[in-house]
Amino acid sequence: KEVITKAMQIPGSLKIKQNISKYI
């Protein structure tokens, strides 16, 4: 619950950045 809540508050631009998936 705490991990997914935290993860889904992170902007998508930090989940894929510089063409790197799972960047953050």
PDB file of all heavy atoms in Angstrom:
ATOM      1  N   LYS A   1       0.819  -1.215   0.000  1.00  0.00           N
ATOM      2  CA  LYS A   1       0.000   0.000   0.000  1.00  0.00           C
ATOM      3  C   LYS A   1       0.854   1.268   0.000  1.00  0.00           C
ATOM      4  O   LYS A   1       0.598   2.208  -0.759  1.00  0.00           O
ATOM      5  CB  LYS A   1      -0.948  -0.008   1.210  1.00  0.00           C
ATOM      6  CG  LYS A   1      -1.891   1.181   1.262  1.00  0.00           C
ATOM      7  CD  LYS A   1      -3.010   0.991   2.266  1.00  0.00           C
ATOM      8  CE  LYS A   1      -2.543   0.889   3.685  1.00  0.00           C
ATOM      9  NZ  LYS A   1      -3.670   0.895   4.654  1.00  0.00           N
ATOM     10  N   GLU A   2       1.893   1.298   0.822  1.00  0.00           N
ATOM     11  CA  GLU A   2       2.716   2.500   0.916  1.00  0.00           C
ATOM     12  C   GLU A   2       3.615   2.669  -0.300  1.00  0.00           C
ATOM     13  O   GLU A   2       3.834   3.791  -0.775  1.00  0.00           O
ATOM     14  CB  GLU A   2       3.535   2.472   2.205  1.00  0.00           C
ATOM     15  CG  GLU A   2       2.661   2.573   3.451  1.00  0.00           C
ATOM     16  CD  GLU A   2       3.456   2.789   4.729  1.00  0.00           C
ATOM     17  OE1 GLU A   2       4.701   2.840   4.656  1.00  0.00           O
ATOM     18  OE2 GLU A   2       2.826   2.904   5.798  1.00  0.00           O
ATOM     19  N   VAL A   3       4.141   1.565  -0.828  1.00  0.00           N
ATOM     20  CA  VAL A   3       5.022   1.647  -1.999  1.00  0.00           C
ATOM     21  C   VAL A   3       4.242   2.104  -3.232  1.00  0.00           C
ATOM     22  O   VAL A   3       4.672   3.006  -3.970  1.00  0.00           O
ATOM     23  CB  VAL A   3       5.704   0.293  -2.281  1.00  0.00           C
ATOM     24  CG1 VAL A   3       6.478   0.343  -3.602  1.00  0.00           C
ATOM     25  CG2 VAL A   3       6.648  -0.086  -1.149  1.00  0.00           C
ATOM     26  N   ILE A   4       3.082   1.494  -3.475  1.00  0.00           N
ATOM     27  CA  ILE A   4       2.317   1.858  -4.663  1.00  0.00           C
ATOM     28  C   ILE A   4       1.756   3.268  -4.544  1.00  0.00           C
ATOM     29  O   ILE A   4       1.729   4.021  -5.528  1.00  0.00           O
ATOM     30  CB  ILE A   4       1.214   0.824  -4.939  1.00  0.00           C
ATOM     31  CG1 ILE A   4       1.859  -0.516  -5.360  1.00  0.00           C
ATOM     32  CG2 ILE A   4       0.257   1.311  -6.020  1.00  0.00           C
ATOM     33  CD1 ILE A   4       0.896  -1.581  -5.800  1.00  0.00           C
ATOM     34  N   THR A   5       1.325   3.650  -3.353  1.00  0.00           N
ATOM     35  CA  THR A   5       0.861   5.023  -3.158  1.00  0.00           C
ATOM     36  C   THR A   5       1.966   6.019  -3.493  1.00  0.00           C
ATOM     37  O   THR A   5       1.750   7.014  -4.199  1.00  0.00           O
ATOM     38  CB  THR A   5       0.383   5.230  -1.703  1.00  0.00           C
ATOM     39  OG1 THR A   5      -0.741   4.383  -1.454  1.00  0.00           O
ATOM     40  CG2 THR A   5      -0.022   6.678  -1.466  1.00  0.00           C
ATOM     41  N   LYS A   6       3.179   5.745  -3.001  1.00  0.00           N
ATOM     42  CA  LYS A   6       4.326   6.611  -3.293  1.00  0.00           C
ATOM     43  C   LYS A   6       4.649   6.603  -4.787  1.00  0.00           C
ATOM     44  O   LYS A   6       4.844   7.671  -5.405  1.00  0.00           O
ATOM     45  CB  LYS A   6       5.544   6.154  -2.485  1.00  0.00           C
ATOM     46  CG  LYS A   6       6.852   6.858  -2.826  1.00  0.00           C
ATOM     47  CD  LYS A   6       6.838   8.335  -2.480  1.00  0.00           C
ATOM     48  CE  LYS A   6       6.814   8.543  -0.977  1.00  0.00           C
ATOM     49  NZ  LYS A   6       6.892   9.981  -0.618  1.00  0.00           N
ATOM     50  N   ALA A   7       4.691   5.420  -5.385  1.00  0.00           N
ATOM     51  CA  ALA A   7       5.070   5.289  -6.795  1.00  0.00           C
ATOM     52  C   ALA A   7       4.095   6.020  -7.713  1.00  0.00           C
ATOM     53  O   ALA A   7       4.502   6.652  -8.694  1.00  0.00           O
ATOM     54  CB  ALA A   7       5.142   3.819  -7.183  1.00  0.00           C
ATOM     55  N   MET A   8       2.802   5.943  -7.382  1.00  0.00           N
ATOM     56  CA  MET A   8       1.795   6.539  -8.259  1.00  0.00           C
ATOM     57  C   MET A   8       1.617   8.039  -8.016  1.00  0.00           C
ATOM     58  O   MET A   8       0.815   8.681  -8.678  1.00  0.00           O
ATOM     59  CB  MET A   8       0.474   5.794  -8.118  1.00  0.00           C
ATOM     60  CG  MET A   8       0.534   4.352  -8.620  1.00  0.00           C
ATOM     61  SD  MET A   8       1.097   4.193 -10.333  1.00  0.00           S
ATOM     62  CE  MET A   8      -0.309   4.884 -11.208  1.00  0.00           C
ATOM     63  N   GLN A   9       2.378   8.600  -7.083  1.00  0.00           N
ATOM     64  CA  GLN A   9       2.435  10.052  -6.915  1.00  0.00           C
ATOM     65  C   GLN A   9       3.598  10.657  -7.699  1.00  0.00           C
ATOM     66  O   GLN A   9       3.681  11.874  -7.871  1.00  0.00           O
ATOM     67  CB  GLN A   9       2.577  10.406  -5.432  1.00  0.00           C
ATOM     68  CG  GLN A   9       1.335  10.131  -4.610  1.00  0.00           C
ATOM     69  CD  GLN A   9       1.569  10.325  -3.115  1.00  0.00           C
ATOM     70  OE1 GLN A   9       2.702  10.470  -2.661  1.00  0.00           O
ATOM     71  NE2 GLN A   9       0.499  10.330  -2.348  1.00  0.00           N
ATOM     72  N   ILE A  10       4.503   9.805  -8.178  1.00  0.00           N
ATOM     73  CA  ILE A  10       5.678  10.266  -8.921  1.00  0.00           C
ATOM     74  C   ILE A  10       5.272  10.583 -10.362  1.00  0.00           C
ATOM     75  O   ILE A  10       4.628   9.767 -11.021  1.00  0.00           O
ATOM     76  CB  ILE A  10       6.788   9.192  -8.899  1.00  0.00           C
ATOM     77  CG1 ILE A  10       7.277   8.972  -7.461  1.00  0.00           C
ATOM     78  CG2 ILE A  10       7.954   9.593  -9.805  1.00  0.00           C
ATOM     79  CD1 ILE A  10       8.231   7.808  -7.297  1.00  0.00           C
ATOM     80  N   PRO A  11       5.624  11.748 -10.885  1.00  0.00           N
ATOM     81  CA  PRO A  11       5.256  12.091 -12.267  1.00  0.00           C
ATOM     82  C   PRO A  11       5.810  11.081 -13.269  1.00  0.00           C
ATOM     83  O   PRO A  11       6.916  10.549 -13.087  1.00  0.00           O
ATOM     84  CB  PRO A  11       5.903  13.469 -12.472  1.00  0.00           C
ATOM     85  CG  PRO A  11       6.142  14.001 -11.109  1.00  0.00           C
ATOM     86  CD  PRO A  11       6.381  12.817 -10.226  1.00  0.00           C
ATOM     87  N   GLY A  12       5.034  10.831 -14.309  1.00  0.00           N
ATOM     88  CA  GLY A  12       5.463   9.891 -15.340  1.00  0.00           C
ATOM     89  C   GLY A  12       6.773  10.292 -15.990  1.00  0.00           C
ATOM     90  O   GLY A  12       7.544   9.434 -16.436  1.00  0.00           O
ATOM     91  N   SER A  13       7.056  11.573 -16.012  1.00  0.00           N
ATOM     92  CA  SER A  13       8.299  12.062 -16.631  1.00  0.00           C
ATOM     93  C   SER A  13       9.540  11.575 -15.896  1.00  0.00           C
ATOM     94  O   SER A  13      10.651  11.646 -16.430  1.00  0.00           O
ATOM     95  CB  SER A  13       8.292  13.594 -16.679  1.00  0.00           C
ATOM     96  OG  SER A  13       8.140  14.137 -15.375  1.00  0.00           O
ATOM     97  N   LEU A  14       9.374  11.099 -14.660  1.00  0.00           N
ATOM     98  CA  LEU A  14      10.497  10.529 -13.913  1.00  0.00           C
ATOM     99  C   LEU A  14      10.493   9.003 -13.944  1.00  0.00           C
ATOM    100  O   LEU A  14      11.399   8.366 -13.410  1.00  0.00           O
ATOM    101  CB  LEU A  14      10.471  11.012 -12.462  1.00  0.00           C
ATOM    102  CG  LEU A  14      10.848  12.478 -12.243  1.00  0.00           C
ATOM    103  CD1 LEU A  14      10.719  12.844 -10.774  1.00  0.00           C
ATOM    104  CD2 LEU A  14      12.266  12.757 -12.752  1.00  0.00           C
ATOM    105  N   LYS A  15       9.482   8.418 -14.553  1.00  0.00           N
ATOM    106  CA  LYS A  15       9.449   6.957 -14.695  1.00  0.00           C
ATOM    107  C   LYS A  15      10.115   6.520 -15.993  1.00  0.00           C
ATOM    108  O   LYS A  15      10.648   5.410 -16.075  1.00  0.00           O
ATOM    109  CB  LYS A  15       8.003   6.455 -14.612  1.00  0.00           C
ATOM    110  CG  LYS A  15       7.398   6.652 -13.233  1.00  0.00           C
ATOM    111  CD  LYS A  15       6.001   6.079 -13.099  1.00  0.00           C
ATOM    112  CE  LYS A  15       5.480   6.263 -11.672  1.00  0.00           C
ATOM    113  NZ  LYS A  15       4.140   5.687 -11.476  1.00  0.00           N
ATOM    114  N   ILE A  16      10.059   7.372 -16.993  1.00  0.00           N
ATOM    115  CA  ILE A  16      10.858   7.162 -18.199  1.00  0.00           C
ATOM    116  C   ILE A  16      11.497   8.501 -18.544  1.00  0.00           C
ATOM    117  O   ILE A  16      10.813   9.501 -18.776  1.00  0.00           O
ATOM    118  CB  ILE A  16      10.033   6.588 -19.369  1.00  0.00           C
ATOM    119  CG1 ILE A  16      10.923   6.401 -20.599  1.00  0.00           C
ATOM    120  CG2 ILE A  16       8.792   7.400 -19.668  1.00  0.00           C
ATOM    121  CD1 ILE A  16      10.299   5.551 -21.687  1.00  0.00           C
ATOM    122  N   LYS A  17      12.814   8.517 -18.519  1.00  0.00           N
ATOM    123  CA  LYS A  17      13.556   9.755 -18.741  1.00  0.00           C
ATOM    124  C   LYS A  17      14.826   9.410 -19.506  1.00  0.00           C
ATOM    125  O   LYS A  17      15.449   8.371 -19.239  1.00  0.00           O
ATOM    126  CB  LYS A  17      13.892  10.408 -17.387  1.00  0.00           C
ATOM    127  CG  LYS A  17      14.606  11.743 -17.498  1.00  0.00           C
ATOM    128  CD  LYS A  17      14.865  12.319 -16.101  1.00  0.00           C
ATOM    129  CE  LYS A  17      15.662  13.612 -16.182  1.00  0.00           C
ATOM    130  NZ  LYS A  17      15.955  14.174 -14.830  1.00  0.00           N
ATOM    131  N   GLN A  18      15.198  10.249 -20.456  1.00  0.00           N
ATOM    132  CA  GLN A  18      16.379   9.995 -21.284  1.00  0.00           C
ATOM    133  C   GLN A  18      16.273   8.622 -21.962  1.00  0.00           C
ATOM    134  O   GLN A  18      17.254   7.909 -22.118  1.00  0.00           O
ATOM    135  CB  GLN A  18      17.655  10.092 -20.442  1.00  0.00           C
ATOM    136  CG  GLN A  18      17.852  11.458 -19.810  1.00  0.00           C
ATOM    137  CD  GLN A  18      18.896  11.471 -18.705  1.00  0.00           C
ATOM    138  OE1 GLN A  18      19.528  10.450 -18.415  1.00  0.00           O
ATOM    139  NE2 GLN A  18      19.061  12.618 -18.067  1.00  0.00           N
ATOM    140  N   ASN A  19      15.020   8.269 -22.266  1.00  0.00           N
ATOM    141  CA  ASN A  19      14.698   6.986 -22.906  1.00  0.00           C
ATOM    142  C   ASN A  19      14.994   5.783 -22.007  1.00  0.00           C
ATOM    143  O   ASN A  19      15.065   4.645 -22.481  1.00  0.00           O
ATOM    144  CB  ASN A  19      15.445   6.825 -24.241  1.00  0.00           C
ATOM    145  CG  ASN A  19      14.690   5.918 -25.195  1.00  0.00           C
ATOM    146  OD1 ASN A  19      13.456   5.914 -25.229  1.00  0.00           O
ATOM    147  ND2 ASN A  19      15.419   5.124 -25.957  1.00  0.00           N
ATOM    148  N   ILE A  20      15.144   6.008 -20.697  1.00  0.00           N
ATOM    149  CA  ILE A  20      15.422   4.928 -19.745  1.00  0.00           C
ATOM    150  C   ILE A  20      14.131   4.587 -19.005  1.00  0.00           C
ATOM    151  O   ILE A  20      13.586   5.416 -18.266  1.00  0.00           O
ATOM    152  CB  ILE A  20      16.509   5.344 -18.724  1.00  0.00           C
ATOM    153  CG1 ILE A  20      17.817   5.659 -19.443  1.00  0.00           C
ATOM    154  CG2 ILE A  20      16.715   4.239 -17.691  1.00  0.00           C
ATOM    155  CD1 ILE A  20      18.882   6.245 -18.534  1.00  0.00           C
ATOM    156  N   SER A  21      13.632   3.377 -19.211  1.00  0.00           N
ATOM    157  CA  SER A  21      12.441   2.919 -18.491  1.00  0.00           C
ATOM    158  C   SER A  21      12.787   2.680 -17.021  1.00  0.00           C
ATOM    159  O   SER A  21      13.908   2.322 -16.690  1.00  0.00           O
ATOM    160  CB  SER A  21      11.915   1.627 -19.108  1.00  0.00           C
ATOM    161  OG  SER A  21      11.495   1.832 -20.437  1.00  0.00           O
ATOM    162  N   LYS A  22      11.809   2.889 -16.131  1.00  0.00           N
ATOM    163  CA  LYS A  22      11.998   2.711 -14.686  1.00  0.00           C
ATOM    164  C   LYS A  22      13.121   3.622 -14.173  1.00  0.00           C
ATOM    165  O   LYS A  22      13.845   3.274 -13.239  1.00  0.00           O
ATOM    166  CB  LYS A  22      12.280   1.242 -14.337  1.00  0.00           C
ATOM    167  CG  LYS A  22      11.040   0.381 -14.410  1.00  0.00           C
ATOM    168  CD  LYS A  22      11.327  -1.085 -14.518  1.00  0.00           C
ATOM    169  CE  LYS A  22      11.807  -1.741 -13.296  1.00  0.00           C
ATOM    170  NZ  LYS A  22      11.855  -3.212 -13.445  1.00  0.00           N
ATOM    171  N   TYR A  23      13.222   4.774 -14.775  1.00  0.00           N
ATOM    172  CA  TYR A  23      14.334   5.691 -14.474  1.00  0.00           C
ATOM    173  C   TYR A  23      14.454   5.968 -12.978  1.00  0.00           C
ATOM    174  O   TYR A  23      15.526   5.822 -12.390  1.00  0.00           O
ATOM    175  CB  TYR A  23      14.148   6.999 -15.242  1.00  0.00           C
ATOM    176  CG  TYR A  23      15.134   8.081 -14.858  1.00  0.00           C
ATOM    177  CD1 TYR A  23      16.398   8.131 -15.444  1.00  0.00           C
ATOM    178  CD2 TYR A  23      14.807   9.044 -13.896  1.00  0.00           C
ATOM    179  CE1 TYR A  23      17.305   9.119 -15.083  1.00  0.00           C
ATOM    180  CE2 TYR A  23      15.713  10.027 -13.533  1.00  0.00           C
ATOM    181  CZ  TYR A  23      16.956  10.064 -14.130  1.00  0.00           C
ATOM    182  OH  TYR A  23      17.863  11.030 -13.762  1.00  0.00           O
ATOM    183  N   ILE A  24      13.366   6.364 -12.344  1.00  0.00           N
ATOM    184  CA  ILE A  24      13.441   6.783 -10.939  1.00  0.00           C
ATOM    185  C   ILE A  24      13.753   5.606 -10.019  1.00  0.00           C
ATOM    186  O   ILE A  24      14.463   5.751  -9.015  1.00  0.00           O
ATOM    187  CB  ILE A  24      12.140   7.505 -10.503  1.00  0.00           C
ATOM    188  CG1 ILE A  24      12.356   8.310  -9.217  1.00  0.00           C
ATOM    189  CG2 ILE A  24      10.974   6.534 -10.355  1.00  0.00           C
ATOM    190  CD1 ILE A  24      13.271   9.509  -9.407  1.00  0.00           C
TER     191      ILE A  24
END
